[in-house]
Full PDB file with SEQRES, HELIX, SHEET, SSBOND, CRYST1, ORIGX, SCALE, CONECT and MASTER records, all heavy atoms in Angstrom:
SEQRES   1 A   30  ASP GLU THR HIS GLY ASN ALA SER GLY MET PHE ASN ARG          
SEQRES   2 A   30  SER TYR LYS ASP TYR HIS PRO ASN ASP ILE HIS GLU ARG          
SEQRES   3 A   30  ASP SER GLY ASP                                              
HELIX    1 AA1 TYR A   15  ASP A   17  5                                   3    
CRYST1    1.000    1.000    1.000  90.00  90.00  90.00 P 1           1          
ORIGX1      1.000000  0.000000  0.000000        0.00000                         
ORIGX2      0.000000  1.000000  0.000000        0.00000                         
ORIGX3      0.000000  0.000000  1.000000        0.00000                         
SCALE1      1.000000  0.000000  0.000000        0.00000                         
SCALE2      0.000000  1.000000  0.000000        0.00000                         
SCALE3      0.000000  0.000000  1.000000        0.00000                         
ATOM      1  N   ASP A   1     120.803 113.217  94.427  1.00  0.00           N  
ATOM      2  CA  ASP A   1     120.022 114.446  94.359  1.00  0.00           C  
ATOM      3  C   ASP A   1     120.690 115.485  95.252  1.00  0.00           C  
ATOM      4  O   ASP A   1     121.817 115.287  95.726  1.00  0.00           O  
ATOM      5  CB  ASP A   1     118.556 114.204  94.733  1.00  0.00           C  
ATOM      6  CG  ASP A   1     118.365 113.654  96.142  1.00  0.00           C  
ATOM      7  OD1 ASP A   1     119.293 113.796  96.985  1.00  0.00           O  
ATOM      8  OD2 ASP A   1     117.302 113.067  96.417  1.00  0.00           O  
ATOM      9  N   GLU A   2     119.991 116.601  95.490  1.00  0.00           N  
ATOM     10  CA  GLU A   2     120.617 117.726  96.193  1.00  0.00           C  
ATOM     11  C   GLU A   2     121.123 117.378  97.586  1.00  0.00           C  
ATOM     12  O   GLU A   2     122.048 118.024  98.096  1.00  0.00           O  
ATOM     13  CB  GLU A   2     119.624 118.891  96.285  1.00  0.00           C  
ATOM     14  CG  GLU A   2     119.369 119.598  94.973  1.00  0.00           C  
ATOM     15  CD  GLU A   2     118.277 118.948  94.124  1.00  0.00           C  
ATOM     16  OE1 GLU A   2     117.984 117.743  94.364  1.00  0.00           O  
ATOM     17  OE2 GLU A   2     117.739 119.606  93.240  1.00  0.00           O  
ATOM     18  N   THR A   3     120.543 116.376  98.221  1.00  0.00           N  
ATOM     19  CA  THR A   3     120.975 115.986  99.569  1.00  0.00           C  
ATOM     20  C   THR A   3     121.692 114.639  99.588  1.00  0.00           C  
ATOM     21  O   THR A   3     122.044 114.139 100.657  1.00  0.00           O  
ATOM     22  CB  THR A   3     119.769 115.938 100.523  1.00  0.00           C  
ATOM     23  OG1 THR A   3     118.775 115.047  99.999  1.00  0.00           O  
ATOM     24  CG2 THR A   3     119.161 117.331 100.692  1.00  0.00           C  
ATOM     25  N   HIS A   4     121.897 114.069  98.421  1.00  0.00           N  
ATOM     26  CA  HIS A   4     122.574 112.772  98.339  1.00  0.00           C  
ATOM     27  C   HIS A   4     123.626 112.817  97.231  1.00  0.00           C  
ATOM     28  O   HIS A   4     123.462 112.239  96.163  1.00  0.00           O  
ATOM     29  CB  HIS A   4     121.575 111.644  98.077  1.00  0.00           C  
ATOM     30  CG  HIS A   4     120.538 111.469  99.138  1.00  0.00           C  
ATOM     31  ND1 HIS A   4     119.319 112.129  99.106  1.00  0.00           N  
ATOM     32  CD2 HIS A   4     120.542 110.725 100.285  1.00  0.00           C  
ATOM     33  CE1 HIS A   4     118.607 111.792 100.155  1.00  0.00           C  
ATOM     34  NE2 HIS A   4     119.331 110.939 100.903  1.00  0.00           N  
ATOM     35  N   GLY A   5     124.723 113.537  97.480  1.00  0.00           N  
ATOM     36  CA  GLY A   5     125.880 113.491  96.595  1.00  0.00           C  
ATOM     37  C   GLY A   5     125.774 114.275  95.316  1.00  0.00           C  
ATOM     38  O   GLY A   5     126.648 114.144  94.445  1.00  0.00           O  
ATOM     39  N   ASN A   6     124.717 115.098  95.159  1.00  0.00           N  
ATOM     40  CA  ASN A   6     124.567 115.859  93.920  1.00  0.00           C  
ATOM     41  C   ASN A   6     124.014 117.246  94.242  1.00  0.00           C  
ATOM     42  O   ASN A   6     122.962 117.665  93.748  1.00  0.00           O  
ATOM     43  CB  ASN A   6     123.642 115.131  92.937  1.00  0.00           C  
ATOM     44  CG  ASN A   6     123.818 115.623  91.513  1.00  0.00           C  
ATOM     45  OD1 ASN A   6     124.923 115.595  90.984  1.00  0.00           O  
ATOM     46  ND2 ASN A   6     122.741 116.078  90.886  1.00  0.00           N  
ATOM     47  N   ALA A   7     124.766 117.977  95.070  1.00  0.00           N  
ATOM     48  CA  ALA A   7     124.300 119.262  95.590  1.00  0.00           C  
ATOM     49  C   ALA A   7     124.027 120.281  94.500  1.00  0.00           C  
ATOM     50  O   ALA A   7     123.249 121.222  94.695  1.00  0.00           O  
ATOM     51  CB  ALA A   7     125.323 119.821  96.582  1.00  0.00           C  
ATOM     52  N   SER A   8     124.634 120.126  93.335  1.00  0.00           N  
ATOM     53  CA  SER A   8     124.388 121.071  92.245  1.00  0.00           C  
ATOM     54  C   SER A   8     122.944 120.994  91.756  1.00  0.00           C  
ATOM     55  O   SER A   8     122.428 121.952  91.165  1.00  0.00           O  
ATOM     56  CB  SER A   8     125.329 120.792  91.072  1.00  0.00           C  
ATOM     57  OG  SER A   8     125.001 119.561  90.437  1.00  0.00           O  
ATOM     58  N   GLY A   9     122.292 119.855  91.976  1.00  0.00           N  
ATOM     59  CA  GLY A   9     120.926 119.669  91.516  1.00  0.00           C  
ATOM     60  C   GLY A   9     120.812 119.394  90.031  1.00  0.00           C  
ATOM     61  O   GLY A   9     119.705 119.204  89.511  1.00  0.00           O  
ATOM     62  N   MET A  10     121.921 119.352  89.333  1.00  0.00           N  
ATOM     63  CA  MET A  10     121.918 119.038  87.904  1.00  0.00           C  
ATOM     64  C   MET A  10     122.232 117.556  87.731  1.00  0.00           C  
ATOM     65  O   MET A  10     123.058 116.988  88.442  1.00  0.00           O  
ATOM     66  CB  MET A  10     122.941 119.909  87.180  1.00  0.00           C  
ATOM     67  CG  MET A  10     122.668 121.410  87.342  1.00  0.00           C  
ATOM     68  SD  MET A  10     123.953 122.467  86.637  1.00  0.00           S  
ATOM     69  CE  MET A  10     123.659 122.261  84.888  1.00  0.00           C  
ATOM     70  N   PHE A  11     121.578 116.943  86.775  1.00  0.00           N  
ATOM     71  CA  PHE A  11     121.725 115.516  86.497  1.00  0.00           C  
ATOM     72  C   PHE A  11     121.488 114.681  87.752  1.00  0.00           C  
ATOM     73  O   PHE A  11     122.313 113.851  88.139  1.00  0.00           O  
ATOM     74  CB  PHE A  11     123.087 115.226  85.894  1.00  0.00           C  
ATOM     75  CG  PHE A  11     123.209 113.855  85.243  1.00  0.00           C  
ATOM     76  CD1 PHE A  11     122.096 113.078  84.948  1.00  0.00           C  
ATOM     77  CD2 PHE A  11     124.458 113.343  84.922  1.00  0.00           C  
ATOM     78  CE1 PHE A  11     122.207 111.831  84.367  1.00  0.00           C  
ATOM     79  CE2 PHE A  11     124.581 112.096  84.323  1.00  0.00           C  
ATOM     80  CZ  PHE A  11     123.460 111.341  84.051  1.00  0.00           C  
ATOM     81  N   ASN A  12     120.309 114.896  88.390  1.00  0.00           N  
ATOM     82  CA  ASN A  12     119.912 113.989  89.457  1.00  0.00           C  
ATOM     83  C   ASN A  12     119.659 112.606  88.864  1.00  0.00           C  
ATOM     84  O   ASN A  12     119.174 112.477  87.738  1.00  0.00           O  
ATOM     85  CB  ASN A  12     118.653 114.499  90.146  1.00  0.00           C  
ATOM     86  CG  ASN A  12     118.948 115.678  91.056  1.00  0.00           C  
ATOM     87  OD1 ASN A  12     120.079 115.855  91.512  1.00  0.00           O  
ATOM     88  ND2 ASN A  12     117.938 116.494  91.325  1.00  0.00           N  
ATOM     89  N   ARG A  13     119.984 111.554  89.634  1.00  0.00           N  
ATOM     90  CA  ARG A  13     119.903 110.191  89.124  1.00  0.00           C  
ATOM     91  C   ARG A  13     119.240 109.267  90.138  1.00  0.00           C  
ATOM     92  O   ARG A  13     119.220 109.555  91.334  1.00  0.00           O  
ATOM     93  CB  ARG A  13     121.311 109.656  88.814  1.00  0.00           C  
ATOM     94  CG  ARG A  13     121.961 110.192  87.575  1.00  0.00           C  
ATOM     95  CD  ARG A  13     123.476 110.342  87.745  1.00  0.00           C  
ATOM     96  NE  ARG A  13     123.806 111.558  88.477  1.00  0.00           N  
ATOM     97  CZ  ARG A  13     124.939 111.760  89.139  1.00  0.00           C  
ATOM     98  NH1 ARG A  13     125.859 110.804  89.175  1.00  0.00           N  
ATOM     99  NH2 ARG A  13     125.167 112.897  89.753  1.00  0.00           N  
ATOM    100  N   SER A  14     118.733 108.159  89.619  1.00  0.00           N  
ATOM    101  CA  SER A  14     118.169 107.111  90.466  1.00  0.00           C  
ATOM    102  C   SER A  14     118.521 105.757  89.871  1.00  0.00           C  
ATOM    103  O   SER A  14     119.215 105.668  88.848  1.00  0.00           O  
ATOM    104  CB  SER A  14     116.649 107.262  90.564  1.00  0.00           C  
ATOM    105  OG  SER A  14     116.038 106.872  89.334  1.00  0.00           O  
ATOM    106  N   TYR A  15     118.006 104.689  90.503  1.00  0.00           N  
ATOM    107  CA  TYR A  15     118.304 103.327  90.030  1.00  0.00           C  
ATOM    108  C   TYR A  15     117.926 103.128  88.568  1.00  0.00           C  
ATOM    109  O   TYR A  15     118.491 102.266  87.884  1.00  0.00           O  
ATOM    110  CB  TYR A  15     117.585 102.303  90.911  1.00  0.00           C  
ATOM    111  CG  TYR A  15     116.071 102.380  90.850  1.00  0.00           C  
ATOM    112  CD1 TYR A  15     115.359 101.719  89.849  1.00  0.00           C  
ATOM    113  CD2 TYR A  15     115.351 103.111  91.790  1.00  0.00           C  
ATOM    114  CE1 TYR A  15     113.974 101.769  89.777  1.00  0.00           C  
ATOM    115  CE2 TYR A  15     113.966 103.187  91.730  1.00  0.00           C  
ATOM    116  CZ  TYR A  15     113.285 102.522  90.723  1.00  0.00           C  
ATOM    117  OH  TYR A  15     111.912 102.582  90.660  1.00  0.00           O  
ATOM    118  N   LYS A  16     117.008 103.922  88.046  1.00  0.00           N  
ATOM    119  CA  LYS A  16     116.569 103.769  86.657  1.00  0.00           C  
ATOM    120  C   LYS A  16     117.691 104.086  85.661  1.00  0.00           C  
ATOM    121  O   LYS A  16     117.620 103.659  84.508  1.00  0.00           O  
ATOM    122  CB  LYS A  16     115.383 104.686  86.386  1.00  0.00           C  
ATOM    123  CG  LYS A  16     114.161 104.391  87.232  1.00  0.00           C  
ATOM    124  CD  LYS A  16     113.059 105.401  86.958  1.00  0.00           C  
ATOM    125  CE  LYS A  16     111.855 105.157  87.853  1.00  0.00           C  
ATOM    126  NZ  LYS A  16     110.789 106.170  87.616  1.00  0.00           N  
ATOM    127  N   ASP A  17     118.701 104.835  86.116  1.00  0.00           N  
ATOM    128  CA  ASP A  17     119.779 105.270  85.223  1.00  0.00           C  
ATOM    129  C   ASP A  17     120.973 104.318  85.224  1.00  0.00           C  
ATOM    130  O   ASP A  17     121.976 104.585  84.555  1.00  0.00           O  
ATOM    131  CB  ASP A  17     120.241 106.676  85.627  1.00  0.00           C  
ATOM    132  CG  ASP A  17     119.114 107.685  85.560  1.00  0.00           C  
ATOM    133  OD1 ASP A  17     118.433 107.718  84.513  1.00  0.00           O  
ATOM    134  OD2 ASP A  17     118.891 108.416  86.551  1.00  0.00           O  
ATOM    135  N   TYR A  18     120.855 103.222  85.959  1.00  0.00           N  
ATOM    136  CA  TYR A  18     121.950 102.260  86.077  1.00  0.00           C  
ATOM    137  C   TYR A  18     121.474 100.884  85.619  1.00  0.00           C  
ATOM    138  O   TYR A  18     120.300 100.674  85.307  1.00  0.00           O  
ATOM    139  CB  TYR A  18     122.458 102.224  87.523  1.00  0.00           C  
ATOM    140  CG  TYR A  18     122.928 103.587  87.999  1.00  0.00           C  
ATOM    141  CD1 TYR A  18     122.076 104.421  88.721  1.00  0.00           C  
ATOM    142  CD2 TYR A  18     124.203 104.047  87.685  1.00  0.00           C  
ATOM    143  CE1 TYR A  18     122.490 105.687  89.130  1.00  0.00           C  
ATOM    144  CE2 TYR A  18     124.631 105.312  88.090  1.00  0.00           C  
ATOM    145  CZ  TYR A  18     123.764 106.125  88.801  1.00  0.00           C  
ATOM    146  OH  TYR A  18     124.172 107.381  89.184  1.00  0.00           O  
ATOM    147  N   HIS A  19     122.394  99.953  85.589  1.00  0.00           N  
ATOM    148  CA  HIS A  19     122.045  98.577  85.220  1.00  0.00           C  
ATOM    149  C   HIS A  19     121.800  97.740  86.469  1.00  0.00           C  
ATOM    150  O   HIS A  19     122.508  97.917  87.465  1.00  0.00           O  
ATOM    151  CB  HIS A  19     123.183  97.945  84.401  1.00  0.00           C  
ATOM    152  CG  HIS A  19     123.390  98.577  83.065  1.00  0.00           C  
ATOM    153  ND1 HIS A  19     124.567  99.224  82.728  1.00  0.00           N  
ATOM    154  CD2 HIS A  19     122.567  98.687  81.980  1.00  0.00           C  
ATOM    155  CE1 HIS A  19     124.466  99.680  81.492  1.00  0.00           C  
ATOM    156  NE2 HIS A  19     123.272  99.381  81.017  1.00  0.00           N  
ATOM    157  N   PRO A  20     120.807  96.805  86.384  1.00  0.00           N  
ATOM    158  CA  PRO A  20     119.833  96.593  85.303  1.00  0.00           C  
ATOM    159  C   PRO A  20     118.714  97.621  85.371  1.00  0.00           C  
ATOM    160  O   PRO A  20     118.551  98.302  86.391  1.00  0.00           O  
ATOM    161  CB  PRO A  20     119.320  95.184  85.581  1.00  0.00           C  
ATOM    162  CG  PRO A  20     119.428  95.049  87.070  1.00  0.00           C  
ATOM    163  CD  PRO A  20     120.661  95.828  87.464  1.00  0.00           C  
ATOM    164  N   ASN A  21     117.903  97.717  84.290  1.00  0.00           N  
ATOM    165  CA  ASN A  21     116.805  98.678  84.250  1.00  0.00           C  
ATOM    166  C   ASN A  21     115.735  98.186  83.290  1.00  0.00           C  
ATOM    167  O   ASN A  21     115.746  97.024  82.892  1.00  0.00           O  
ATOM    168  CB  ASN A  21     117.332 100.061  83.860  1.00  0.00           C  
ATOM    169  CG  ASN A  21     118.123 100.030  82.564  1.00  0.00           C  
ATOM    170  OD1 ASN A  21     117.718  99.400  81.589  1.00  0.00           O  
ATOM    171  ND2 ASN A  21     119.281 100.683  82.556  1.00  0.00           N  
ATOM    172  N   ASP A  22     114.818  99.079  82.921  1.00  0.00           N  
ATOM    173  CA  ASP A  22     113.698  98.659  82.079  1.00  0.00           C  
ATOM    174  C   ASP A  22     114.092  98.457  80.623  1.00  0.00           C  
ATOM    175  O   ASP A  22     113.261  98.010  79.807  1.00  0.00           O  
ATOM    176  CB  ASP A  22     112.552  99.672  82.171  1.00  0.00           C  
ATOM    177  CG  ASP A  22     112.970 101.072  81.744  1.00  0.00           C  
ATOM    178  OD1 ASP A  22     114.180 101.298  81.528  1.00  0.00           O  
ATOM    179  OD2 ASP A  22     112.083 101.940  81.641  1.00  0.00           O  
ATOM    180  N   ILE A  23     115.361  98.757  80.266  1.00  0.00           N  
ATOM    181  CA  ILE A  23     115.832  98.537  78.889  1.00  0.00           C  
ATOM    182  C   ILE A  23     116.558  97.200  78.772  1.00  0.00           C  
ATOM    183  O   ILE A  23     116.247  96.376  77.915  1.00  0.00           O  
ATOM    184  CB  ILE A  23     116.766  99.675  78.434  1.00  0.00           C  
ATOM    185  CG1 ILE A  23     116.000 100.995  78.398  1.00  0.00           C  
ATOM    186  CG2 ILE A  23     117.369  99.365  77.070  1.00  0.00           C  
ATOM    187  CD1 ILE A  23     116.859 102.182  78.024  1.00  0.00           C  
ATOM    188  N   HIS A  24     117.499  96.967  79.656  1.00  0.00           N  
ATOM    189  CA  HIS A  24     118.260  95.717  79.604  1.00  0.00           C  
ATOM    190  C   HIS A  24     118.976  95.473  80.922  1.00  0.00           C  
ATOM    191  O   HIS A  24     119.047  96.355  81.786  1.00  0.00           O  
ATOM    192  CB  HIS A  24     119.252  95.699  78.436  1.00  0.00           C  
ATOM    193  CG  HIS A  24     120.143  96.914  78.342  1.00  0.00           C  
ATOM    194  ND1 HIS A  24     120.850  97.223  77.215  1.00  0.00           N  
ATOM    195  CD2 HIS A  24     120.442  97.888  79.235  1.00  0.00           C  
ATOM    196  CE1 HIS A  24     121.540  98.334  77.403  1.00  0.00           C  
ATOM    197  NE2 HIS A  24     121.320  98.741  78.627  1.00  0.00           N  
ATOM    198  N   GLU A  25     119.500  94.275  81.037  1.00  0.00           N  
ATOM    199  CA  GLU A  25     120.217  93.891  82.255  1.00  0.00           C  
ATOM    200  C   GLU A  25     121.548  94.621  82.368  1.00  0.00           C  
ATOM    201  O   GLU A  25     121.960  95.038  83.441  1.00  0.00           O  
ATOM    202  CB  GLU A  25     120.469  92.376  82.262  1.00  0.00           C  
ATOM    203  CG  GLU A  25     119.240  91.531  82.530  1.00  0.00           C  
ATOM    204  CD  GLU A  25     118.746  91.695  83.952  1.00  0.00           C  
ATOM    205  OE1 GLU A  25     119.565  91.573  84.884  1.00  0.00           O  
ATOM    206  OE2 GLU A  25     117.537  91.948  84.126  1.00  0.00           O  
ATOM    207  N   ARG A  26     122.223  94.761  81.244  1.00  0.00           N  
ATOM    208  CA  ARG A  26     123.534  95.389  81.230  1.00  0.00           C  
ATOM    209  C   ARG A  26     123.893  95.730  79.797  1.00  0.00           C  
ATOM    210  O   ARG A  26     123.237  95.282  78.853  1.00  0.00           O  
ATOM    211  CB  ARG A  26     124.609  94.465  81.817  1.00  0.00           C  
ATOM    212  CG  ARG A  26     124.679  93.088  81.152  1.00  0.00           C  
ATOM    213  CD  ARG A  26     125.898  92.318  81.584  1.00  0.00           C  
ATOM    214  NE  ARG A  26     127.132  92.974  81.155  1.00  0.00           N  
ATOM    215  CZ  ARG A  26     128.353  92.556  81.484  1.00  0.00           C  
ATOM    216  NH1 ARG A  26     128.492  91.497  82.258  1.00  0.00           N  
ATOM    217  NH2 ARG A  26     129.414  93.191  81.050  1.00  0.00           N  
ATOM    218  N   ASP A  27     124.942  96.535  79.608  1.00  0.00           N  
ATOM    219  CA  ASP A  27     125.431  96.789  78.257  1.00  0.00           C  
ATOM    220  C   ASP A  27     126.586  95.833  77.969  1.00  0.00           C  
ATOM    221  O   ASP A  27     126.876  94.932  78.764  1.00  0.00           O  
ATOM    222  CB  ASP A  27     125.850  98.253  78.083  1.00  0.00           C  
ATOM    223  CG  ASP A  27     126.928  98.689  79.068  1.00  0.00           C  
ATOM    224  OD1 ASP A  27     127.646  97.803  79.597  1.00  0.00           O  
ATOM    225  OD2 ASP A  27     127.076  99.897  79.307  1.00  0.00           O  
ATOM    226  N   SER A  28     127.231  96.034  76.823  1.00  0.00           N  
ATOM    227  CA  SER A  28     128.292  95.092  76.421  1.00  0.00           C  
ATOM    228  C   SER A  28     129.635  95.427  77.051  1.00  0.00           C  
ATOM    229  O   SER A  28     130.610  94.711  76.843  1.00  0.00           O  
ATOM    230  CB  SER A  28     128.429  95.085  74.895  1.00  0.00           C  
ATOM    231  OG  SER A  28     128.806  96.366  74.422  1.00  0.00           O  
ATOM    232  N   GLY A  29     129.705  96.512  77.820  1.00  0.00           N  
ATOM    233  CA  GLY A  29     130.970  96.900  78.432  1.00  0.00           C  
ATOM    234  C   GLY A  29     131.266  96.117  79.700  1.00  0.00           C  
ATOM    235  O   GLY A  29     130.409  95.441  80.269  1.00  0.00           O  
ATOM    236  N   ASP A  30     132.510  96.221  80.149  1.00  0.00           N  
ATOM    237  CA  ASP A  30     132.895  95.601  81.408  1.00  0.00           C  
ATOM    238  C   ASP A  30     132.164  96.271  82.568  1.00  0.00           C  
ATOM    239  O   ASP A  30     131.896  97.475  82.543  1.00  0.00           O  
ATOM    240  CB  ASP A  30     134.410  95.740  81.639  1.00  0.00           C  
ATOM    241  CG  ASP A  30     135.224  94.984  80.609  1.00  0.00           C  
ATOM    242  OD1 ASP A  30     134.657  94.116  79.929  1.00  0.00           O  
ATOM    243  OD2 ASP A  30     136.425  95.273  80.487  1.00  0.00           O  
TER     244      ASP A  30                                                      
MASTER        0    0    0    1    0    0    0    6  243    1    0    3          
END                                                                             
């Protein structure tokens, strides 16, 4: 977010946007 590596404030992210999450453990990629 704006104070954690994303000062632009665009495309803020959290653990929900990474693996694992509420969709699946991981994708088929490396």
